[in-house]
């Protein structure tokens, strides 16, 4: 019997050790044997791409990074509060050694403090089911107030060790940048708001048992559309903000206060994925609204997109899959444009072109797809149409054709349009022709279709 009891005690010891010593890279930490929590305060800001900004902010003085820890027993009752303050991005350690032996749920969060009252106050913390963090007052959230959270179950008293707590952002960062917002433009300022009738997000619950939309604290009185995510001024047309607004397909509206009417005008909307931990850019050029759409998407992709716009290349990607059906064309448009709108889904019968659908790819820039049948079978032609009369838009049309690899052959006049002159261009492989027609008012269209040998036989040379 003595030997049996001895073996039994060893078995219990092994079970206890295994139960609370999981690998630290376990994606869902359940039970660690620890007596110290280690927090790298830079992790949150690295994820959000604002480490340099935070380093500069802390160096100015007056701001500290605050890491707070709540300890709950197995009944969800608060048994301890702990924390650490730091004036630089460093690793801080918080001891759990003074806790009675037992298993606990830890909830940690990190943000900054720069005054007597917190921007993110803790509410109803005595029970983990009700504990939550909310904004002290409804406002745009400065990026320096970004907040992250971490939870884990730990066992104290059965071993020693250090738990590396990596803060996960509870919101996302949005870079708002508006070109053309100057003292001479029509607007005093510009702001970005979330569209729809959803209630504004005021904060979040701390309980790890909550997930999805159940983790968020929603406003009882304000809609998301009532609260600006961020704003810019002519003197400061760029802004970086933090937001709790979220959604896989979030509609964002750019609005401006009109100098003449003092009313809020809706300038443009775009759909963007806003998920906690992501970094997005919303960019718009008020001087090129006619032929350049906004950019609303991952910040990592913005530089390449902007470089093409700065080079004068249109944000156009006409589908030239001749013979394709409507669904194939629609999928192509959706996957090749970061911004597009479909005003109506029906196909219109256009004389000489077939059954056609319009896609809006900028305020006055459209892709027009023409099919043989009413059901959208057999793509016959694609037309890029711009109703912006500016010289810059026409120059962009030529630059785009060159970028697409088209070579100017000359001109052509069709018998059924004796008063209309087209510039005829040919693709690098010779399979597609593009005909550019300039409207009298300065707008233009590019007509793409399978190369017609008869067109090539009637090219008019262009001098100069």
Protein backbone atom coordinates (compact mmCIF):
# COMPACT_ATOMS: atom_id res chain seq x y z
CA UNK A 1 0.00 0.00 0.00
CA UNK A 2 2.82 2.43 0.84
CA UNK A 3 4.40 1.83 -2.58
CA UNK A 4 1.02 2.35 -4.26
CA UNK A 5 0.49 5.69 -2.49
CA UNK A 6 4.01 6.79 -3.37
CA UNK A 7 3.45 6.06 -7.04
CA UNK A 8 0.09 7.80 -6.88
CA UNK A 9 1.66 10.97 -5.47
CA UNK A 10 4.28 10.96 -8.24
CA UNK A 11 1.54 10.56 -10.82
CA UNK A 12 -0.39 13.53 -9.40
CA UNK A 13 2.77 15.64 -9.45
CA UNK A 14 3.40 14.78 -13.10
CA UNK A 15 -0.21 15.51 -14.01
CA UNK A 16 -0.08 18.90 -12.27
CA UNK A 17 3.15 19.81 -14.05
CA UNK A 18 1.80 18.79 -17.46
CA UNK A 19 -1.48 20.60 -16.86
CA UNK A 20 0.10 23.99 -16.31
CA UNK A 21 3.27 23.94 -18.40
CA UNK A 22 2.14 24.27 -21.97
CA UNK A 23 4.36 25.60 -24.74
CA UNK A 24 4.43 29.37 -24.95
CA UNK A 25 3.65 29.32 -28.67
CA UNK A 26 0.32 27.59 -28.01
CA UNK A 27 -2.19 29.83 -29.88
CA UNK A 28 -4.76 29.45 -27.08
CA UNK A 29 -2.90 29.57 -23.76
CA UNK A 30 -4.99 27.77 -21.13
CA UNK A 31 -2.90 27.18 -18.04
CA UNK A 32 0.64 28.31 -17.21
CA UNK A 33 2.59 27.70 -13.98
CA UNK A 34 4.10 31.16 -13.49
CA UNK A 35 5.00 33.71 -10.88
CA UNK A 36 5.92 36.59 -13.22
CA UNK A 37 4.23 38.21 -16.22
CA UNK A 38 6.57 39.77 -18.79
CA UNK A 39 5.20 42.37 -21.22
CA UNK A 40 7.15 43.81 -24.13
CA UNK A 41 5.47 47.20 -24.40
CA UNK A 42 6.61 47.62 -28.02
CA UNK A 43 4.66 44.59 -29.29
CA UNK A 44 1.30 46.39 -29.48
CA UNK A 45 2.77 49.30 -31.43
CA UNK A 46 4.82 47.06 -33.72
CA UNK A 47 1.63 45.32 -34.78
CA UNK A 48 -0.04 48.64 -35.55
CA UNK A 49 2.99 50.09 -37.34
CA UNK A 50 3.36 53.04 -34.99
CA UNK A 51 6.49 52.15 -33.00
CA UNK A 52 8.48 55.15 -34.23
CA UNK A 53 5.61 57.53 -33.48
CA UNK A 54 5.23 56.14 -29.97
CA UNK A 55 8.96 56.37 -29.33
CA UNK A 56 8.89 60.04 -30.32
CA UNK A 57 5.78 60.71 -28.23
CA UNK A 58 7.30 59.17 -25.10
CA UNK A 59 10.55 61.09 -25.64
CA UNK A 60 8.59 64.36 -25.51
CA UNK A 61 7.69 63.64 -21.88
CA UNK A 62 4.35 63.78 -20.11
CA UNK A 63 3.15 60.43 -21.47
CA UNK A 64 3.65 56.97 -19.99
CA UNK A 65 2.85 53.47 -21.19
CA UNK A 66 0.49 51.82 -18.72
CA UNK A 67 0.18 48.03 -18.40
CA UNK A 68 -2.61 46.87 -16.11
CA UNK A 69 -3.42 43.35 -14.89
CA UNK A 70 -6.59 42.09 -13.23
CA UNK A 71 -6.53 38.71 -11.49
CA UNK A 72 -9.79 36.74 -11.17
CA UNK A 73 -10.40 33.52 -9.24
CA UNK A 74 -12.21 30.52 -10.70
CA UNK A 75 -15.57 32.00 -9.68
CA UNK A 76 -14.83 35.15 -11.71
CA UNK A 77 -14.30 37.36 -8.68
CA UNK A 78 -11.56 40.00 -8.71
CA UNK A 79 -8.80 39.13 -6.24
CA UNK A 80 -5.94 41.43 -7.24
CA UNK A 81 -4.95 44.42 -9.34
CA UNK A 82 -1.44 44.87 -10.59
CA UNK A 83 0.35 47.07 -13.08
CA UNK A 84 3.44 48.83 -14.31
CA UNK A 85 4.24 52.23 -15.84
CA UNK A 86 7.10 52.97 -18.21
CA UNK A 87 8.36 56.05 -20.02
CA UNK A 88 9.93 54.14 -22.90
CA UNK A 89 9.20 51.04 -24.96
CA UNK A 90 10.73 48.26 -22.92
CA UNK A 91 9.94 44.93 -21.29
CA UNK A 92 8.22 45.22 -17.92
CA UNK A 93 7.73 42.46 -15.36
CA UNK A 94 4.77 42.09 -12.99
CA UNK A 95 5.03 39.65 -10.06
CA UNK A 96 2.30 37.20 -9.10
CA UNK A 97 4.25 35.72 -6.21
CA UNK A 98 2.08 37.28 -3.52
CA UNK A 99 -1.07 35.50 -4.70
CA UNK A 100 -2.37 32.46 -2.76
CA UNK A 101 -1.79 29.14 -4.49
CA UNK A 102 -4.48 28.47 -7.04
CA UNK A 103 -5.66 28.86 -10.61
CA UNK A 104 -6.58 32.30 -11.90
CA UNK A 105 -7.69 34.12 -15.03
CA UNK A 106 -5.45 37.05 -15.91
CA UNK A 107 -6.70 39.97 -17.97
CA UNK A 108 -4.08 42.50 -19.03
CA UNK A 109 -4.34 45.61 -21.17
CA UNK A 110 -2.00 48.33 -22.34
CA UNK A 111 -2.51 51.94 -23.32
CA UNK A 112 -1.00 55.32 -22.43
CA UNK A 113 -1.65 57.91 -19.73
CA UNK A 114 -0.95 61.62 -19.97
CA UNK A 115 -3.29 63.16 -17.41
CA UNK A 116 -5.13 62.64 -14.13
CA UNK A 117 -8.13 60.94 -15.75
CA UNK A 118 -7.79 57.85 -17.98
CA UNK A 119 -9.08 57.94 -21.55
CA UNK A 120 -10.00 54.24 -21.16
CA UNK A 121 -11.59 53.88 -17.69
CA UNK A 122 -12.31 50.45 -16.21
CA UNK A 123 -15.96 49.75 -15.34
CA UNK A 124 -17.56 47.08 -13.11
CA UNK A 125 -14.30 45.23 -12.58
CA UNK A 126 -15.36 43.19 -9.53
CA UNK A 127 -16.69 40.38 -11.70
CA UNK A 128 -15.06 39.19 -14.90
CA UNK A 129 -18.45 38.81 -16.57
CA UNK A 130 -19.20 42.54 -16.28
CA UNK A 131 -15.68 44.03 -16.41
CA UNK A 132 -15.26 46.32 -19.38
CA UNK A 133 -13.21 49.22 -20.69
CA UNK A 134 -14.94 52.18 -22.33
CA UNK A 135 -14.00 55.53 -23.78
CA UNK A 136 -14.27 58.29 -21.21
CA UNK A 137 -15.96 60.51 -23.80
CA UNK A 138 -16.97 60.08 -27.46
CA UNK A 139 -14.29 61.47 -29.74
CA UNK A 140 -11.77 60.66 -32.40
CA UNK A 141 -9.13 58.40 -30.87
CA UNK A 142 -5.60 59.68 -31.25
CA UNK A 143 -3.26 56.92 -32.38
CA UNK A 144 -1.23 57.41 -29.19
CA UNK A 145 -4.22 56.10 -27.24
CA UNK A 146 -4.22 52.71 -29.00
CA UNK A 147 -5.19 49.91 -26.63
CA UNK A 148 -4.38 46.20 -26.57
CA UNK A 149 -5.43 43.25 -24.43
CA UNK A 150 -4.20 39.80 -23.34
CA UNK A 151 -5.83 37.00 -21.33
CA UNK A 152 -4.53 33.69 -19.95
CA UNK A 153 -5.25 31.12 -17.25
CA UNK A 154 -2.37 30.61 -14.82
CA UNK A 155 -1.58 28.43 -11.84
CA UNK A 156 0.32 30.00 -8.97
CA UNK A 157 2.18 27.93 -6.41
CA UNK A 158 2.84 24.77 -8.45
CA UNK A 159 5.98 26.03 -10.10
CA UNK A 160 7.88 29.09 -11.16
CA UNK A 161 8.23 30.68 -14.54
CA UNK A 162 7.65 33.76 -16.64
CA UNK A 163 4.64 34.24 -18.91
CA UNK A 164 5.31 36.38 -21.98
CA UNK A 165 2.09 38.33 -22.48
CA UNK A 166 1.75 39.69 -26.03
CA UNK A 167 -0.82 42.46 -26.28
CA UNK A 168 -3.28 42.12 -29.14
CA UNK A 169 -4.77 45.36 -30.52
CA UNK A 170 -8.44 45.87 -29.83
CA UNK A 171 -8.81 48.19 -32.80
CA UNK A 172 -7.15 49.23 -36.03
CA UNK A 173 -5.12 52.18 -37.26
CA UNK A 174 -6.37 54.31 -40.16
CA UNK A 175 -4.11 56.66 -42.09
CA UNK A 176 -6.26 59.48 -43.48
CA UNK A 177 -4.63 61.58 -46.20
CA UNK A 178 -6.35 64.14 -48.43
CA UNK A 179 -4.55 65.91 -51.29
CA UNK A 180 -6.00 69.17 -52.57
CA UNK A 181 -7.38 70.16 -49.15
CA UNK A 182 -5.93 73.67 -49.15
CA UNK A 183 -7.01 77.11 -48.00
CA UNK A 184 -8.19 77.75 -51.59
CA UNK A 185 -10.45 74.69 -51.85
CA UNK A 186 -14.20 74.59 -51.15
CA UNK A 187 -13.96 72.89 -47.78
CA UNK A 188 -12.96 73.99 -44.30
CA UNK A 189 -12.00 70.46 -43.28
CA UNK A 190 -12.66 66.79 -44.02
CA UNK A 191 -13.69 63.93 -41.76
CA UNK A 192 -14.03 60.18 -42.11
CA UNK A 193 -17.10 58.43 -40.67
CA UNK A 194 -18.46 54.90 -40.77
CA UNK A 195 -21.69 54.56 -42.70
CA UNK A 196 -24.83 52.65 -41.80
CA UNK A 197 -27.11 52.58 -38.79
CA UNK A 198 -24.92 50.51 -36.44
CA UNK A 199 -24.46 51.81 -32.90
CA UNK A 200 -21.07 53.33 -32.13
CA UNK A 201 -18.53 51.10 -30.38
CA UNK A 202 -17.62 52.61 -26.99
CA UNK A 203 -15.37 49.87 -25.63
CA UNK A 204 -15.01 46.15 -24.99
CA UNK A 205 -15.58 43.49 -22.33
CA UNK A 206 -12.60 41.81 -20.69
CA UNK A 207 -14.02 38.32 -20.24
CA UNK A 208 -12.28 35.76 -22.50
CA UNK A 209 -15.59 33.90 -22.65
CA UNK A 210 -16.98 36.63 -24.90
CA UNK A 211 -16.27 36.51 -28.63
CA UNK A 212 -17.44 38.05 -31.87
CA UNK A 213 -19.79 40.99 -31.54
CA UNK A 214 -20.57 39.96 -27.95
CA UNK A 215 -17.19 41.28 -26.82
CA UNK A 216 -17.99 44.89 -27.75
CA UNK A 217 -19.65 47.62 -25.69
CA UNK A 218 -22.05 49.52 -27.93
CA UNK A 219 -23.40 53.02 -27.38
CA UNK A 220 -27.03 53.40 -26.28
CA UNK A 221 -27.42 56.81 -27.88
CA UNK A 222 -24.95 57.28 -30.73
CA UNK A 223 -24.59 55.70 -34.17
CA UNK A 224 -21.25 55.12 -35.84
CA UNK A 225 -22.22 57.73 -38.42
CA UNK A 226 -22.50 60.31 -35.60
CA UNK A 227 -18.85 59.98 -34.63
CA UNK A 228 -15.86 60.78 -36.84
CA UNK A 229 -13.13 58.17 -37.06
CA UNK A 230 -10.65 60.87 -38.03
CA UNK A 231 -10.37 64.34 -39.45
CA UNK A 232 -7.97 66.60 -41.35
CA UNK A 233 -7.51 70.33 -41.94
CA UNK A 234 -5.96 72.35 -44.77
CA UNK A 235 -3.05 73.07 -42.42
CA UNK A 236 -2.71 69.36 -41.58
CA UNK A 237 -4.14 67.19 -44.41
CA UNK A 238 -2.76 63.93 -42.96
CA UNK A 239 -3.90 62.15 -39.83
CA UNK A 240 -3.28 58.78 -38.18
CA UNK A 241 -6.01 57.54 -35.83
CA UNK A 242 -7.07 54.49 -33.86
CA UNK A 243 -10.61 53.13 -34.10
CA UNK A 244 -12.76 50.43 -32.53
CA UNK A 245 -15.07 50.49 -35.58
CA UNK A 246 -14.72 47.16 -37.30
CA UNK A 247 -16.10 44.99 -40.06
CA UNK A 248 -14.98 42.84 -42.96
CA UNK A 249 -16.74 45.22 -45.37
CA UNK A 250 -16.97 48.55 -43.62
CA UNK A 251 -18.37 51.50 -45.57
CA UNK A 252 -16.45 54.69 -44.84
CA UNK A 253 -17.63 58.14 -45.91
CA UNK A 254 -15.40 61.14 -46.46
CA UNK A 255 -17.27 64.35 -45.64
CA UNK A 256 -16.31 68.01 -45.82
CA UNK A 257 -17.73 71.23 -44.33
CA UNK A 258 -18.57 73.42 -47.30
CA UNK A 259 -17.26 76.97 -46.92
CA UNK A 260 -20.18 78.46 -48.83
CA UNK A 261 -23.07 76.70 -47.15
CA UNK A 262 -21.41 75.64 -43.88
CA UNK A 263 -23.12 72.29 -44.43
CA UNK A 264 -21.53 68.85 -44.34
CA UNK A 265 -21.12 67.48 -47.88
CA UNK A 266 -20.57 63.81 -48.63
CA UNK A 267 -17.53 63.69 -50.89
CA UNK A 268 -17.00 59.97 -51.53
CA UNK A 269 -17.51 56.57 -49.93
CA UNK A 270 -15.46 53.40 -50.02
CA UNK A 271 -15.59 49.90 -48.56
CA UNK A 272 -12.69 48.75 -46.42
CA UNK A 273 -11.81 45.81 -44.18
CA UNK A 274 -11.30 47.08 -40.65
CA UNK A 275 -10.30 44.34 -38.24
CA UNK A 276 -8.49 44.64 -34.90
CA UNK A 277 -4.76 44.71 -35.53
CA UNK A 278 -4.95 45.90 -39.13
CA UNK A 279 -3.56 49.13 -40.60
CA UNK A 280 -5.55 50.78 -43.40
CA UNK A 281 -5.17 53.90 -45.54
CA UNK A 282 -7.94 56.17 -46.80
CA UNK A 283 -6.65 58.56 -49.48
CA UNK A 284 -8.42 60.96 -51.81
CA UNK A 285 -7.24 63.68 -54.17
CA UNK A 286 -9.74 66.56 -54.35
CA UNK A 287 -8.01 67.89 -57.48
CA UNK A 288 -8.56 64.66 -59.43
CA UNK A 289 -11.97 63.48 -58.27
CA UNK A 290 -13.28 63.12 -61.82
CA UNK A 291 -10.94 60.35 -62.92
CA UNK A 292 -9.13 59.12 -59.80
CA UNK A 293 -10.99 57.07 -57.15
CA UNK A 294 -10.19 57.05 -53.46
CA UNK A 295 -7.84 54.46 -52.07
CA UNK A 296 -9.28 52.52 -49.15
CA UNK A 297 -7.35 49.41 -48.20
CA UNK A 298 -4.23 47.97 -46.57
CA UNK A 299 -1.50 50.53 -45.94
CA UNK A 300 1.06 47.97 -47.14
CA UNK A 301 -0.40 48.19 -50.68
CA UNK A 302 -0.89 51.95 -50.81
CA UNK A 303 2.61 53.03 -51.91
CA UNK A 304 2.48 50.92 -55.09
CA UNK A 305 -1.04 52.19 -55.90
CA UNK A 306 -0.02 55.82 -55.32
CA UNK A 307 3.13 55.44 -57.45
CA UNK A 308 1.00 54.47 -60.46
CA UNK A 309 -1.38 57.39 -59.91
CA UNK A 310 1.56 59.79 -59.60
CA UNK A 311 2.91 58.37 -62.87
CA UNK A 312 -0.37 59.37 -64.55
CA UNK A 313 -1.72 55.82 -64.94
CA UNK A 314 -5.46 55.47 -64.47
CA UNK A 315 -6.80 53.07 -61.85
CA UNK A 316 -8.46 51.12 -64.66
CA UNK A 317 -8.24 47.41 -65.43
CA UNK A 318 -10.63 46.69 -68.31
CA UNK A 319 -11.54 43.03 -68.73
CA UNK A 320 -10.54 41.87 -72.21
CA UNK A 321 -11.53 38.20 -71.91
CA UNK A 322 -13.40 38.07 -75.20
CA UNK A 323 -16.26 35.58 -75.16
CA UNK A 324 -16.55 35.65 -71.34
CA UNK A 325 -19.94 35.71 -69.64
CA UNK A 326 -21.29 38.39 -67.31
CA UNK A 327 -20.35 36.59 -64.07
CA UNK A 328 -16.75 36.14 -65.21
CA UNK A 329 -16.52 39.81 -66.09
CA UNK A 330 -18.09 40.84 -62.78
CA UNK A 331 -15.63 38.70 -60.81
CA UNK A 332 -12.78 40.19 -62.84
CA UNK A 333 -13.86 43.75 -62.05
CA UNK A 334 -14.26 42.95 -58.34
CA UNK A 335 -10.80 41.38 -58.12
CA UNK A 336 -8.89 43.94 -60.23
CA UNK A 337 -10.20 47.18 -58.72
CA UNK A 338 -9.68 48.32 -55.15
CA UNK A 339 -12.63 50.73 -55.62
CA UNK A 340 -15.68 50.26 -57.84
CA UNK A 341 -19.45 50.74 -57.74
CA UNK A 342 -22.34 49.15 -59.63
CA UNK A 343 -25.31 51.50 -59.81
CA UNK A 344 -27.69 48.94 -61.34
CA UNK A 345 -27.33 45.32 -62.39
CA UNK A 346 -29.58 45.19 -65.46
CA UNK A 347 -28.08 45.12 -68.94
CA UNK A 348 -29.10 47.88 -71.36
CA UNK A 349 -29.47 47.28 -75.07
CA UNK A 350 -27.20 49.74 -76.86
CA UNK A 351 -27.48 50.00 -80.62
CA UNK A 352 -24.31 48.81 -82.27
CA UNK A 353 -22.82 47.49 -79.03
CA UNK A 354 -25.17 44.79 -77.73
CA UNK A 355 -26.29 44.32 -74.14
CA UNK A 356 -24.16 46.42 -71.82
CA UNK A 357 -23.43 47.04 -68.13
CA UNK A 358 -21.76 50.07 -66.55
CA UNK A 359 -19.20 49.91 -63.72
CA UNK A 360 -18.24 53.16 -61.99
CA UNK A 361 -14.47 53.11 -61.24
CA UNK A 362 -14.12 56.82 -60.35
CA UNK A 363 -16.54 59.74 -60.09
CA UNK A 364 -16.62 60.33 -63.88
CA UNK A 365 -14.76 57.24 -65.08
CA UNK A 366 -16.59 54.08 -66.18
CA UNK A 367 -15.94 50.64 -67.61
CA UNK A 368 -18.66 49.61 -70.01
CA UNK A 369 -19.01 45.91 -70.93
CA UNK A 370 -21.00 44.81 -73.98
CA UNK A 371 -22.33 41.27 -74.50
CA UNK A 372 -24.01 39.49 -77.38
CA UNK A 373 -27.09 38.41 -75.42
CA UNK A 374 -29.47 39.85 -72.84
CA UNK A 375 -28.29 37.16 -70.42
CA UNK A 376 -24.71 38.43 -70.58
CA UNK A 377 -23.12 35.81 -72.81
CA UNK A 378 -20.12 36.39 -75.07
CA UNK A 379 -18.22 39.60 -74.21
CA UNK A 380 -17.85 41.54 -77.47
CA UNK A 381 -16.31 44.84 -76.47
CA UNK A 382 -15.09 46.85 -73.49
CA UNK A 383 -15.28 50.63 -73.37
CA UNK A 384 -13.44 52.91 -70.94
CA UNK A 385 -15.37 56.18 -70.78
CA UNK A 386 -14.37 59.39 -68.99
CA UNK A 387 -16.61 62.45 -68.67
CA UNK A 388 -13.91 64.53 -66.99
CA UNK A 389 -12.98 67.31 -69.45
CA UNK A 390 -9.59 68.12 -67.93
CA UNK A 391 -6.36 67.93 -69.91
CA UNK A 392 -4.93 65.80 -67.10
CA UNK A 393 -7.53 63.06 -67.61
CA UNK A 394 -6.81 62.88 -71.36
CA UNK A 395 -3.10 62.77 -70.70
CA UNK A 396 -3.76 59.94 -68.23
CA UNK A 397 -5.65 58.06 -70.96
CA UNK A 398 -2.63 58.15 -73.26
CA UNK A 399 -0.27 57.22 -70.43
CA UNK A 400 -2.51 54.29 -69.49
CA UNK A 401 -2.59 52.96 -73.06
CA UNK A 402 1.19 53.14 -73.20
CA UNK A 403 1.39 51.35 -69.84
CA UNK A 404 -0.93 48.65 -71.18
CA UNK A 405 1.48 48.08 -74.07
CA UNK A 406 -0.54 49.59 -76.93
CA UNK A 407 1.17 51.16 -79.94
CA UNK A 408 -0.37 53.99 -81.97
CA UNK A 409 -0.90 52.97 -85.62
CA UNK A 410 -2.74 56.05 -86.83
CA UNK A 411 -6.34 57.14 -87.15
CA UNK A 412 -9.57 55.66 -88.44
CA UNK A 413 -12.99 56.96 -89.47
CA UNK A 414 -15.83 54.44 -89.57
CA UNK A 415 -18.34 54.70 -92.46
CA UNK A 416 -21.31 54.84 -90.08
CA UNK A 417 -19.62 57.66 -88.09
CA UNK A 418 -18.14 59.92 -90.78
CA UNK A 419 -17.72 62.87 -88.41
CA UNK A 420 -15.95 60.93 -85.62
CA UNK A 421 -12.18 60.44 -85.59
CA UNK A 422 -10.56 57.62 -83.62
CA UNK A 423 -6.93 57.04 -82.79
CA UNK A 424 -6.23 53.36 -83.52
CA UNK A 425 -3.81 51.47 -81.30
CA UNK A 426 -2.77 47.81 -81.28
CA UNK A 427 -1.83 45.59 -78.34
CA UNK A 428 1.65 44.07 -78.12
CA UNK A 429 0.36 40.63 -79.16
CA UNK A 430 -1.74 42.11 -81.96
CA UNK A 431 -4.94 40.44 -80.75
CA UNK A 432 -6.73 43.51 -79.38
CA UNK A 433 -7.27 46.96 -80.83
CA UNK A 434 -8.04 50.11 -78.86
CA UNK A 435 -9.76 53.09 -80.43
CA UNK A 436 -9.47 56.42 -78.60
CA UNK A 437 -12.06 59.08 -79.35
CA UNK A 438 -11.89 62.56 -77.82
CA UNK A 439 -15.25 64.26 -77.20
CA UNK A 440 -15.84 67.89 -78.14
CA UNK A 441 -16.19 68.84 -74.46
CA UNK A 442 -12.87 67.23 -73.53
CA UNK A 443 -14.11 63.86 -72.31
CA UNK A 444 -12.99 60.69 -74.06
CA UNK A 445 -13.56 56.98 -74.58
CA UNK A 446 -11.35 54.00 -75.38
CA UNK A 447 -13.08 51.21 -77.28
CA UNK A 448 -11.41 47.78 -76.88
CA UNK A 449 -12.29 44.83 -79.12
CA UNK A 450 -10.80 41.89 -80.97
CA UNK A 451 -8.52 43.21 -83.72
CA UNK A 452 -10.47 43.76 -86.94
CA UNK A 453 -8.30 43.24 -90.07
CA UNK A 454 -10.54 45.64 -91.96
CA UNK A 455 -9.70 48.39 -89.45
CA UNK A 456 -5.98 47.77 -89.94
CA UNK A 457 -6.49 48.05 -93.70
CA UNK A 458 -8.01 51.53 -93.39
CA UNK A 459 -5.56 53.22 -91.03
CA UNK A 460 -5.09 56.93 -91.71
CA UNK A 461 -1.47 58.07 -91.15
CA UNK A 462 -1.02 60.80 -88.56
CA UNK A 463 1.61 63.43 -89.22
CA UNK A 464 3.64 64.90 -86.37
